C-alpha atoms as a PDB file:
ATOM      1  CA  MET A   1       0.014  -0.027   0.016  1.00  0.00           C
ATOM      2  CA  GLU A   2       2.824   2.375   0.717  1.00  0.00           C
ATOM      3  CA  ARG A   3       4.304   1.608  -2.734  1.00  0.00           C
ATOM      4  CA  VAL A   4       0.969   2.527  -4.246  1.00  0.00           C
ATOM      5  CA  LYS A   5       0.738   5.776  -2.307  1.00  0.00           C
ATOM      6  CA  ASP A   6       4.307   6.766  -3.364  1.00  0.00           C
ATOM      7  CA  PHE A   7       3.672   5.726  -6.965  1.00  0.00           C
ATOM      8  CA  VAL A   8       0.498   7.892  -7.158  1.00  0.00           C
ATOM      9  CA  LEU A   9       2.170  10.963  -5.510  1.00  0.00           C
ATOM     10  CA  HIS A  10       5.110  10.738  -7.893  1.00  0.00           C
ATOM     11  CA  ASN A  11       2.982  10.284 -11.019  1.00  0.00           C
ATOM     12  CA  LEU A  12      -0.102  12.517 -10.583  1.00  0.00           C
ATOM     13  CA  ASP A  13      -0.039  13.442 -14.278  1.00  0.00           C
ATOM     14  CA  GLU A  14      -0.390   9.772 -15.339  1.00  0.00           C
ATOM     15  CA  ARG A  15      -3.599   7.924 -16.084  1.00  0.00           C
ATOM     16  CA  PHE A  16      -3.925   5.031 -13.581  1.00  0.00           C
ATOM     17  CA  SER A  17      -5.590   1.722 -14.132  1.00  0.00           C
ATOM     18  CA  LEU A  18      -6.714  -0.740 -11.478  1.00  0.00           C
ATOM     19  CA  ASP A  19      -4.427  -3.264 -13.001  1.00  0.00           C
ATOM     20  CA  LYS A  20      -1.428  -1.018 -12.781  1.00  0.00           C
ATOM     21  CA  LEU A  21      -2.063  -0.014  -9.151  1.00  0.00           C
ATOM     22  CA  ALA A  22      -2.631  -3.667  -8.181  1.00  0.00           C
ATOM     23  CA  GLU A  23       0.608  -4.580  -9.913  1.00  0.00           C
ATOM     24  CA  VAL A  24       2.468  -1.910  -7.944  1.00  0.00           C
ATOM     25  CA  ALA A  25       1.000  -3.228  -4.716  1.00  0.00           C
ATOM     26  CA  GLY A  26       1.743  -6.813  -5.596  1.00  0.00           C
ATOM     27  CA  PHE A  27      -1.842  -7.777  -5.002  1.00  0.00           C
ATOM     28  CA  SER A  28      -4.545  -9.406  -7.124  1.00  0.00           C
ATOM     29  CA  LYS A  29      -6.662  -6.757  -8.931  1.00  0.00           C
ATOM     30  CA  PHE A  30      -9.736  -8.567  -7.624  1.00  0.00           C
ATOM     31  CA  HIS A  31      -8.832  -7.903  -4.044  1.00  0.00           C
ATOM     32  CA  PHE A  32      -6.677  -4.804  -4.271  1.00  0.00           C
ATOM     33  CA  ASN A  33      -9.375  -2.073  -4.038  1.00  0.00           C
ATOM     34  CA  ARG A  34     -11.045  -3.778  -1.031  1.00  0.00           C
ATOM     35  CA  GLN A  35      -7.695  -3.979   0.739  1.00  0.00           C
ATOM     36  CA  PHE A  36      -6.797  -0.470  -0.173  1.00  0.00           C
ATOM     37  CA  SER A  37     -10.207   0.832   1.121  1.00  0.00           C
ATOM     38  CA  MET A  38      -9.689  -1.057   4.433  1.00  0.00           C
ATOM     39  CA  TYR A  39      -6.278   0.516   4.863  1.00  0.00           C
ATOM     40  CA  THR A  40      -7.148   4.101   3.834  1.00  0.00           C
ATOM     41  CA  GLY A  41     -10.860   4.503   4.214  1.00  0.00           C
ATOM     42  CA  MET A  42     -11.298   5.283   0.496  1.00  0.00           C
ATOM     43  CA  SER A  43     -10.973   3.591  -2.842  1.00  0.00           C
ATOM     44  CA  SER A  44      -7.672   3.898  -4.778  1.00  0.00           C
ATOM     45  CA  PHE A  45      -9.304   6.148  -7.371  1.00  0.00           C
ATOM     46  CA  GLN A  46     -10.820   8.359  -4.683  1.00  0.00           C
ATOM     47  CA  PHE A  47      -7.292   8.766  -3.266  1.00  0.00           C
ATOM     48  CA  VAL A  48      -5.924   9.653  -6.744  1.00  0.00           C
ATOM     49  CA  GLN A  49      -8.648  12.255  -7.281  1.00  0.00           C
ATOM     50  CA  ILE A  50      -8.274  13.872  -3.837  1.00  0.00           C
ATOM     51  CA  MET A  51      -4.475  14.149  -4.270  1.00  0.00           C
ATOM     52  CA  ARG A  52      -5.053  15.849  -7.685  1.00  0.00           C
ATOM     53  CA  LEU A  53      -7.626  18.162  -6.086  1.00  0.00           C
ATOM     54  CA  LYS A  54      -5.210  19.043  -3.323  1.00  0.00           C
ATOM     55  CA  ARG A  55      -2.576  19.955  -5.904  1.00  0.00           C
ATOM     56  CA  ALA A  56      -5.162  21.955  -7.856  1.00  0.00           C
ATOM     57  CA  SER A  57      -6.155  23.885  -4.698  1.00  0.00           C
ATOM     58  CA  TYR A  58      -2.503  25.074  -4.290  1.00  0.00           C
ATOM     59  CA  GLN A  59      -2.456  26.077  -7.937  1.00  0.00           C
ATOM     60  CA  LEU A  60      -5.662  28.068  -7.635  1.00  0.00           C
ATOM     61  CA  VAL A  61      -4.455  30.157  -4.737  1.00  0.00           C
ATOM     62  CA  PHE A  62      -0.686  30.403  -5.243  1.00  0.00           C
ATOM     63  CA  ASN A  63      -0.600  30.483  -9.078  1.00  0.00           C
ATOM     64  CA  ARG A  64      -3.328  32.942  -9.950  1.00  0.00           C
ATOM     65  CA  GLU A  65      -2.014  33.533 -13.455  1.00  0.00           C
ATOM     66  CA  THR A  66      -2.967  30.016 -14.489  1.00  0.00           C
ATOM     67  CA  LYS A  67      -6.508  29.681 -15.962  1.00  0.00           C
ATOM     68  CA  ILE A  68      -8.893  27.464 -14.027  1.00  0.00           C
ATOM     69  CA  VAL A  69      -9.649  25.388 -17.118  1.00  0.00           C
ATOM     70  CA  ASP A  70      -5.929  24.622 -17.453  1.00  0.00           C
ATOM     71  CA  ILE A  71      -5.770  23.526 -13.785  1.00  0.00           C
ATOM     72  CA  ALA A  72      -8.818  21.328 -14.442  1.00  0.00           C
ATOM     73  CA  PHE A  73      -7.037  19.622 -17.366  1.00  0.00           C
ATOM     74  CA  ASP A  74      -3.876  19.291 -15.249  1.00  0.00           C
ATOM     75  CA  ALA A  75      -6.015  17.460 -12.626  1.00  0.00           C
ATOM     76  CA  GLN A  76      -7.095  14.977 -15.369  1.00  0.00           C
ATOM     77  CA  PHE A  77     -10.684  16.274 -15.657  1.00  0.00           C
ATOM     78  CA  SER A  78     -12.169  16.327 -19.141  1.00  0.00           C
ATOM     79  CA  ASN A  79     -13.800  19.731 -18.757  1.00  0.00           C
ATOM     80  CA  HIS A  80     -14.171  22.703 -16.444  1.00  0.00           C
ATOM     81  CA  GLU A  81     -17.661  21.697 -15.292  1.00  0.00           C
ATOM     82  CA  SER A  82     -16.747  18.251 -13.984  1.00  0.00           C
ATOM     83  CA  PHE A  83     -13.708  19.691 -12.182  1.00  0.00           C
ATOM     84  CA  SER A  84     -15.890  22.383 -10.560  1.00  0.00           C
ATOM     85  CA  ARG A  85     -18.420  19.814  -9.359  1.00  0.00           C
ATOM     86  CA  ALA A  86     -15.732  17.563  -7.892  1.00  0.00           C
ATOM     87  CA  PHE A  87     -13.912  20.479  -6.263  1.00  0.00           C
ATOM     88  CA  ASN A  88     -17.100  21.917  -4.796  1.00  0.00           C
ATOM     89  CA  LYS A  89     -18.087  18.530  -3.390  1.00  0.00           C
ATOM     90  CA  VAL A  90     -14.807  18.235  -1.529  1.00  0.00           C
ATOM     91  CA  ILE A  91     -14.070  21.895  -0.566  1.00  0.00           C
ATOM     92  CA  GLY A  92     -17.596  23.365  -0.457  1.00  0.00           C
ATOM     93  CA  GLN A  93     -16.547  26.156  -2.805  1.00  0.00           C
ATOM     94  CA  SER A  94     -16.256  26.473  -6.545  1.00  0.00           C
ATOM     95  CA  PRO A  95     -12.706  26.778  -7.867  1.00  0.00           C
ATOM     96  CA  SER A  96     -13.230  30.500  -8.530  1.00  0.00           C
ATOM     97  CA  GLU A  97     -14.641  31.156  -5.066  1.00  0.00           C
ATOM     98  CA  PHE A  98     -11.734  29.265  -3.504  1.00  0.00           C
ATOM     99  CA  ARG A  99      -9.244  31.276  -5.566  1.00  0.00           C
ATOM    100  CA  THR A 100     -10.817  34.538  -4.394  1.00  0.00           C
ATOM    101  CA  ASN A 101     -11.549  33.732  -0.734  1.00  0.00           C
ATOM    102  CA  PRO A 102     -10.309  30.218   0.222  1.00  0.00           C
ATOM    103  CA  ASN A 103     -12.031  28.529   3.158  1.00  0.00           C
ATOM    104  CA  TRP A 104      -8.939  27.011   4.661  1.00  0.00           C
ATOM    105  CA  ASP A 105     -10.850  25.527   7.608  1.00  0.00           C
ATOM    106  CA  ARG A 106     -12.953  23.404   5.258  1.00  0.00           C
ATOM    107  CA  TRP A 107      -9.793  22.616   3.234  1.00  0.00           C
ATOM    108  CA  LYS A 108      -8.084  21.239   6.333  1.00  0.00           C
ATOM    109  CA  GLN A 109     -11.105  19.161   7.310  1.00  0.00           C
ATOM    110  CA  GLN A 110     -11.505  17.588   3.893  1.00  0.00           C
ATOM    111  CA  PHE A 111      -7.825  16.694   3.490  1.00  0.00           C
ATOM    112  CA  ASP A 112      -7.584  15.113   6.962  1.00  0.00           C
ATOM    113  CA  ARG A 113      -8.145  11.639   5.621  1.00  0.00           C
ATOM    114  CA  PRO A 114      -5.176  11.592   3.185  1.00  0.00           C
ATOM    115  CA  ILE A 115      -3.051  13.240   5.884  1.00  0.00           C
ATOM    116  CA  GLU A 116      -4.036  10.382   8.263  1.00  0.00           C
ATOM    117  CA  PHE A 117      -3.117   7.920   5.463  1.00  0.00           C
ATOM    118  CA  LYS A 118       0.357   9.338   5.352  1.00  0.00           C
ATOM    119  CA  GLN A 119       0.742   9.022   9.046  1.00  0.00           C
ATOM    120  CA  LEU A 120       0.107   5.266   8.853  1.00  0.00           C
ATOM    121  CA  GLU A 121       3.595   4.732   7.407  1.00  0.00           C
ATOM    122  CA  SER A 122       5.746   2.319   9.360  1.00  0.00           C
ATOM    123  CA  LYS A 123       8.168   4.022  11.769  1.00  0.00           C
ATOM    124  CA  GLU A 124      11.415   2.980  10.284  1.00  0.00           C
ATOM    125  CA  GLN A 125      14.690   4.138  11.837  1.00  0.00           C
ATOM    126  CA  ILE A 126      15.186   7.739  10.810  1.00  0.00           C
ATOM    127  CA  ASP A 127      18.039   7.944   8.331  1.00  0.00           C
ATOM    128  CA  MET A 128      19.324  11.456   7.859  1.00  0.00           C
ATOM    129  CA  GLN A 129      22.526  13.405   7.482  1.00  0.00           C
ATOM    130  CA  ILE A 130      23.122  15.756  10.438  1.00  0.00           C
ATOM    131  CA  ASN A 131      25.478  18.640  10.003  1.00  0.00           C
ATOM    132  CA  ILE A 132      26.573  21.570  12.137  1.00  0.00           C
ATOM    133  CA  VAL A 133      26.928  24.850  10.171  1.00  0.00           C
ATOM    134  CA  GLU A 134      27.487  28.594  10.876  1.00  0.00           C
ATOM    135  CA  PHE A 135      24.271  30.413   9.816  1.00  0.00           C
ATOM    136  CA  LYS A 136      24.804  34.010   8.834  1.00  0.00           C
ATOM    137  CA  THR A 137      22.520  36.706  10.396  1.00  0.00           C
ATOM    138  CA  THR A 138      19.737  37.305   7.853  1.00  0.00           C
ATOM    139  CA  ARG A 139      17.506  40.340   7.531  1.00  0.00           C
ATOM    140  CA  VAL A 140      13.932  39.252   6.604  1.00  0.00           C
ATOM    141  CA  ALA A 141      10.497  40.572   5.972  1.00  0.00           C
ATOM    142  CA  LYS A 142       8.059  38.554   8.014  1.00  0.00           C
ATOM    143  CA  LEU A 143       4.389  37.966   8.406  1.00  0.00           C
ATOM    144  CA  GLU A 144       3.598  36.942  11.979  1.00  0.00           C
ATOM    145  CA  HIS A 145       0.962  34.165  11.991  1.00  0.00           C
ATOM    146  CA  ARG A 146      -0.727  33.991  15.384  1.00  0.00           C
ATOM    147  CA  GLY A 147      -3.547  31.566  16.085  1.00  0.00           C
ATOM    148  CA  ASN A 148      -4.887  28.356  14.602  1.00  0.00           C
ATOM    149  CA  PRO A 149      -2.113  26.414  12.813  1.00  0.00           C
ATOM    150  CA  ASP A 150      -4.664  25.238  10.252  1.00  0.00           C
ATOM    151  CA  ARG A 151      -4.727  28.859   8.992  1.00  0.00           C
ATOM    152  CA  VAL A 152      -1.066  29.127   8.188  1.00  0.00           C
ATOM    153  CA  LEU A 153      -1.730  28.673   4.489  1.00  0.00           C
ATOM    154  CA  ALA A 154      -4.081  31.732   4.590  1.00  0.00           C
ATOM    155  CA  SER A 155      -1.185  33.789   6.048  1.00  0.00           C
ATOM    156  CA  ALA A 156       1.131  32.298   3.393  1.00  0.00           C
ATOM    157  CA  GLY A 157      -1.241  33.640   0.744  1.00  0.00           C
ATOM    158  CA  LYS A 158      -0.984  37.140   2.243  1.00  0.00           C
ATOM    159  CA  PHE A 159       2.758  36.974   2.267  1.00  0.00           C
ATOM    160  CA  ILE A 160       2.890  35.872  -1.388  1.00  0.00           C
ATOM    161  CA  GLU A 161       0.571  38.764  -2.226  1.00  0.00           C
ATOM    162  CA  TRP A 162       2.983  41.170  -0.453  1.00  0.00           C
ATOM    163  CA  ARG A 163       5.948  39.660  -2.300  1.00  0.00           C
ATOM    164  CA  LYS A 164       4.349  40.096  -5.682  1.00  0.00           C
ATOM    165  CA  GLN A 165       3.114  43.627  -5.020  1.00  0.00           C
ATOM    166  CA  THR A 166       6.337  45.058  -3.542  1.00  0.00           C
ATOM    167  CA  LYS A 167       9.015  42.940  -5.254  1.00  0.00           C
ATOM    168  CA  LEU A 168      11.187  43.527  -2.222  1.00  0.00           C
ATOM    169  CA  SER A 169      11.695  39.771  -1.603  1.00  0.00           C
ATOM    170  CA  PRO A 170      11.303  38.081  -4.967  1.00  0.00           C
ATOM    171  CA  VAL A 171      10.872  34.332  -4.499  1.00  0.00           C
ATOM    172  CA  LYS A 172      13.292  33.437  -7.281  1.00  0.00           C
ATOM    173  CA  SER A 173      16.190  35.477  -5.884  1.00  0.00           C
ATOM    174  CA  ARG A 174      15.585  35.609  -2.131  1.00  0.00           C
ATOM    175  CA  ASN A 175      15.350  32.915   0.508  1.00  0.00           C
ATOM    176  CA  THR A 176      12.142  31.797   2.127  1.00  0.00           C
ATOM    177  CA  TYR A 177      11.990  30.773   5.809  1.00  0.00           C
ATOM    178  CA  GLY A 178       9.519  29.651   8.385  1.00  0.00           C
ATOM    179  CA  VAL A 179      10.154  30.233  12.102  1.00  0.00           C
ATOM    180  CA  ALA A 180       8.373  27.720  14.357  1.00  0.00           C
ATOM    181  CA  TYR A 181       7.998  29.104  17.849  1.00  0.00           C
ATOM    182  CA  ASP A 182       5.534  26.406  18.890  1.00  0.00           C
ATOM    183  CA  ASP A 183       4.786  22.734  18.301  1.00  0.00           C
ATOM    184  CA  PRO A 184       1.133  22.521  17.082  1.00  0.00           C
ATOM    185  CA  SER A 185       0.801  19.131  18.619  1.00  0.00           C
ATOM    186  CA  ASN A 186       1.081  20.463  22.189  1.00  0.00           C
ATOM    187  CA  THR A 187       0.063  24.123  21.804  1.00  0.00           C
ATOM    188  CA  THR A 188      -3.495  25.483  21.932  1.00  0.00           C
ATOM    189  CA  ALA A 189      -4.636  26.950  18.642  1.00  0.00           C
ATOM    190  CA  LYS A 190      -5.005  30.433  20.042  1.00  0.00           C
ATOM    191  CA  ASP A 191      -1.379  30.390  21.339  1.00  0.00           C
ATOM    192  CA  PHE A 192       0.269  29.016  18.192  1.00  0.00           C
ATOM    193  CA  ARG A 193       2.991  31.264  16.653  1.00  0.00           C
ATOM    194  CA  PHE A 194       4.713  30.949  13.286  1.00  0.00           C
ATOM    195  CA  ASP A 195       6.549  33.549  11.185  1.00  0.00           C
ATOM    196  CA  ILE A 196       6.604  33.365   7.368  1.00  0.00           C
ATOM    197  CA  CYS A 197       9.758  35.140   6.142  1.00  0.00           C
ATOM    198  CA  GLY A 198      11.532  36.235   2.980  1.00  0.00           C
ATOM    199  CA  SER A 199      15.148  37.578   3.030  1.00  0.00           C
ATOM    200  CA  VAL A 200      15.502  41.251   2.171  1.00  0.00           C
ATOM    201  CA  LYS A 201      18.328  43.781   1.745  1.00  0.00           C
ATOM    202  CA  GLY A 202      16.546  47.027   2.622  1.00  0.00           C
ATOM    203  CA  ASP A 203      13.729  48.391   4.752  1.00  0.00           C
ATOM    204  CA  VAL A 204      10.122  47.087   4.801  1.00  0.00           C
ATOM    205  CA  PRO A 205       7.686  49.895   4.340  1.00  0.00           C
ATOM    206  CA  GLU A 206       4.244  49.790   6.002  1.00  0.00           C
ATOM    207  CA  ASN A 207       1.837  47.665   4.001  1.00  0.00           C
ATOM    208  CA  PRO A 208      -1.737  46.403   4.092  1.00  0.00           C
ATOM    209  CA  GLN A 209      -0.647  42.773   4.524  1.00  0.00           C
ATOM    210  CA  GLY A 210       1.001  43.462   7.870  1.00  0.00           C
ATOM    211  CA  VAL A 211       4.481  42.317   6.772  1.00  0.00           C
ATOM    212  CA  ILE A 212       7.207  43.798   9.014  1.00  0.00           C
ATOM    213  CA  ALA A 213      11.058  43.749   9.207  1.00  0.00           C
ATOM    214  CA  GLY A 214      12.804  41.134  11.290  1.00  0.00           C
ATOM    215  CA  GLU A 215      16.011  39.130  11.636  1.00  0.00           C
ATOM    216  CA  ILE A 216      17.081  35.499  11.888  1.00  0.00           C
ATOM    217  CA  PRO A 217      20.212  35.688  14.119  1.00  0.00           C
ATOM    218  CA  GLY A 218      23.411  34.092  13.044  1.00  0.00           C
ATOM    219  CA  GLY A 219      25.275  31.328  14.922  1.00  0.00           C
ATOM    220  CA  ARG A 220      25.904  27.652  15.042  1.00  0.00           C
ATOM    221  CA  CYS A 221      23.011  25.417  13.941  1.00  0.00           C
ATOM    222  CA  VAL A 222      22.341  21.792  13.466  1.00  0.00           C
ATOM    223  CA  VAL A 223      20.844  21.360  10.057  1.00  0.00           C
ATOM    224  CA  VAL A 224      18.978  18.344   8.525  1.00  0.00           C
ATOM    225  CA  ARG A 225      17.621  18.210   4.988  1.00  0.00           C
ATOM    226  CA  HIS A 226      14.000  17.003   4.512  1.00  0.00           C
ATOM    227  CA  LEU A 227      12.614  15.780   1.207  1.00  0.00           C
ATOM    228  CA  GLY A 228       8.916  15.766   0.444  1.00  0.00           C
ATOM    229  CA  SER A 229       5.758  17.003   2.149  1.00  0.00           C
ATOM    230  CA  HIS A 230       6.085  19.505   5.003  1.00  0.00           C
ATOM    231  CA  ASP A 231       3.542  17.389   6.877  1.00  0.00           C
ATOM    232  CA  LYS A 232       6.157  14.812   7.458  1.00  0.00           C
ATOM    233  CA  MET A 233       8.941  16.915   9.027  1.00  0.00           C
ATOM    234  CA  ASP A 234       7.820  16.315  12.572  1.00  0.00           C
ATOM    235  CA  ASP A 235       9.686  12.949  12.951  1.00  0.00           C
ATOM    236  CA  LYS A 236      13.004  14.622  12.098  1.00  0.00           C
ATOM    237  CA  ILE A 237      12.324  17.536  14.384  1.00  0.00           C
ATOM    238  CA  ARG A 238      11.410  15.369  17.380  1.00  0.00           C
ATOM    239  CA  TYR A 239      14.367  13.171  16.737  1.00  0.00           C
ATOM    240  CA  LEU A 240      16.723  16.189  16.958  1.00  0.00           C
ATOM    241  CA  TYR A 241      15.217  17.329  20.220  1.00  0.00           C
ATOM    242  CA  SER A 242      14.687  14.048  21.911  1.00  0.00           C
ATOM    243  CA  LYS A 243      17.559  11.856  20.683  1.00  0.00           C
ATOM    244  CA  TRP A 244      20.302  13.802  18.975  1.00  0.00           C
ATOM    245  CA  LEU A 245      20.523  16.759  21.345  1.00  0.00           C
ATOM    246  CA  PRO A 246      20.850  14.806  24.620  1.00  0.00           C
ATOM    247  CA  ALA A 247      23.497  12.554  23.140  1.00  0.00           C
ATOM    248  CA  SER A 248      25.446  15.385  21.527  1.00  0.00           C
ATOM    249  CA  GLY A 249      26.251  17.419  24.596  1.00  0.00           C
ATOM    250  CA  GLU A 250      25.208  20.600  22.698  1.00  0.00           C
ATOM    251  CA  GLU A 251      22.988  23.297  24.195  1.00  0.00           C
ATOM    252  CA  LEU A 252      20.160  25.201  22.514  1.00  0.00           C
ATOM    253  CA  ARG A 253      20.420  28.850  21.718  1.00  0.00           C
ATOM    254  CA  ASP A 254      17.557  31.256  22.578  1.00  0.00           C
ATOM    255  CA  PHE A 255      15.976  31.062  19.193  1.00  0.00           C
ATOM    256  CA  PRO A 256      13.389  28.612  17.870  1.00  0.00           C
ATOM    257  CA  CYS A 257      13.700  25.895  15.288  1.00  0.00           C
ATOM    258  CA  PHE A 258      13.355  27.390  11.772  1.00  0.00           C
ATOM    259  CA  PHE A 259      13.090  26.158   8.204  1.00  0.00           C
ATOM    260  CA  HIS A 260      14.641  27.184   4.917  1.00  0.00           C
ATOM    261  CA  TYR A 261      12.317  26.280   2.051  1.00  0.00           C
ATOM    262  CA  LEU A 262      14.576  25.635  -0.955  1.00  0.00           C
ATOM    263  CA  ASN A 263      11.634  25.311  -3.286  1.00  0.00           C
ATOM    264  CA  LEU A 264       7.875  25.952  -3.008  1.00  0.00           C
ATOM    265  CA  ILE A 265       4.483  24.731  -4.287  1.00  0.00           C
ATOM    266  CA  PRO A 266       3.339  25.228  -7.044  1.00  0.00           C
ATOM    267  CA  GLU A 267       6.756  25.507  -8.709  1.00  0.00           C
ATOM    268  CA  VAL A 268       7.294  21.883  -7.745  1.00  0.00           C
ATOM    269  CA  GLN A 269       4.991  19.055  -6.689  1.00  0.00           C
ATOM    270  CA  GLU A 270       4.568  18.193  -3.000  1.00  0.00           C
ATOM    271  CA  HIS A 271       6.851  15.112  -3.118  1.00  0.00           C
ATOM    272  CA  GLN A 272       9.620  17.284  -4.735  1.00  0.00           C
ATOM    273  CA  LEU A 273       9.828  19.774  -1.891  1.00  0.00           C
ATOM    274  CA  ILE A 274      13.297  20.325  -0.333  1.00  0.00           C
ATOM    275  CA  THR A 275      13.467  21.888   3.153  1.00  0.00           C
ATOM    276  CA  ASP A 276      16.424  22.431   5.507  1.00  0.00           C
ATOM    277  CA  ILE A 277      15.530  22.178   9.215  1.00  0.00           C
ATOM    278  CA  TYR A 278      17.667  24.341  11.466  1.00  0.00           C
ATOM    279  CA  LEU A 279      18.100  23.919  15.244  1.00  0.00           C
ATOM    280  CA  PRO A 280      20.104  26.805  16.707  1.00  0.00           C
ATOM    281  CA  ILE A 281      22.777  25.716  19.232  1.00  0.00           C
ATOM    282  CA  LYS A 282      25.398  27.583  21.322  1.00  0.00           C
END
């Protein structure tokens, strides 16, 4: 089943057949869909469609220049109308409504099932390269997200809007960071804090999005590279705190864990994301 999930996520542009998915799983096609449904709570083709709709939702909000009909074809729908019906059924908004005013709360609720599917992966020993580097002090423009972690994507949309309007931190030539003050798994929604940042060289004038100037301080950091969905970074972060740090003899600096996003959706697909996780140490 894990092979099927990975195969689908790496080939969302392909047309899948039951025979092919069963072959990837190594199961008989006559039993595959029943087994898949027992494991995930949905049929294999429902899983394929919802992953395509998830990718389409990112494209609608973060790549506004792309026509909705082209996003529909990219999601393997034969026409705009069938895409709109499917999207509305899952999200509760038409694609155009979601592009204009996305309901991120409903988005989160509807994509919980595939997220839970990802979390069913076996807990293999974490295999990662751990390095200690000297991070240089970096001036940033930041949007301070405060509140429900499920709304971080809405804040990201505001930051992208600021970037495009001001051109002070262009995504292609400046770095993108996230500063994680709190762990959403043990922080109440109202107390959750997360900064969305882009490196800058100059000042950050007052703006309607609420983006302000800030700084990520320089110093020694433990850094680990994560490949794939941001949803799956937690295991590496917890390993650094609970296993690596006590055994290393190092001490933490007074600055939270932060992330350097080396690429972003929709420029790449979710499984192609590259993120460096930084843990500041003395």
